[in-house]
């Protein structure tokens, strides 16, 4: 049934790496924008 054994490092993961990099880029950008909004409101809100 399982004729092939898994060999560590053989799988092509370029698409997964690109997806993760994009996710991290969006996450960091959203976090920075959110922090900026909070700081803006803390300074100018009454």
Protein backbone atom coordinates (compact mmCIF):
# COMPACT_ATOMS: atom_id res chain seq x y z
CA UNK A 1 0.00 0.00 0.00
CA UNK A 2 2.68 2.50 0.95
CA UNK A 3 5.41 1.67 -1.54
CA UNK A 4 7.20 5.00 -1.23
CA UNK A 5 8.84 6.22 1.91
CA UNK A 6 8.84 9.92 2.74
CA UNK A 7 12.22 11.60 2.42
CA UNK A 8 12.62 14.78 4.43
CA UNK A 9 13.24 17.83 2.22
CA UNK A 10 12.07 16.39 -1.12
CA UNK A 11 8.76 18.25 -1.38
CA UNK A 12 8.61 21.49 -3.38
CA UNK A 13 7.33 24.12 -0.94
CA UNK A 14 7.85 27.31 -2.94
CA UNK A 15 4.11 28.03 -3.15
CA UNK A 16 3.65 27.50 0.58
CA UNK A 17 6.59 29.83 1.29
CA UNK A 18 5.15 32.54 -0.98
CA UNK A 19 1.74 32.20 0.66
CA UNK A 20 3.20 32.41 4.16
CA UNK A 21 5.37 35.41 3.22
CA UNK A 22 2.30 37.20 1.85
CA UNK A 23 0.30 36.37 4.97
CA UNK A 24 3.05 37.68 7.23
CA UNK A 25 3.44 40.86 5.15
CA UNK A 26 -0.31 41.60 5.38
CA UNK A 27 -0.38 40.76 9.10
CA UNK A 28 2.49 43.12 9.90
CA UNK A 29 0.99 45.91 7.79
CA UNK A 30 -2.42 45.57 9.44
CA UNK A 31 -0.82 45.52 12.90
CA UNK A 32 1.19 48.67 12.15
CA UNK A 33 -1.85 50.48 10.77
CA UNK A 34 -3.88 49.47 13.83
CA UNK A 35 -1.18 50.70 16.19
CA UNK A 36 -1.00 53.95 14.25
CA UNK A 37 -4.75 54.45 14.54
CA UNK A 38 -4.68 53.74 18.28
CA UNK A 39 -1.83 56.22 18.79
CA UNK A 40 -3.63 58.83 16.68
CA UNK A 41 -6.81 58.40 18.73
CA UNK A 42 -4.88 58.54 22.00
CA UNK A 43 -3.28 61.84 21.00
CA UNK A 44 -6.24 63.63 19.40
CA UNK A 45 -9.36 62.15 21.02
CA UNK A 46 -10.93 63.92 23.96
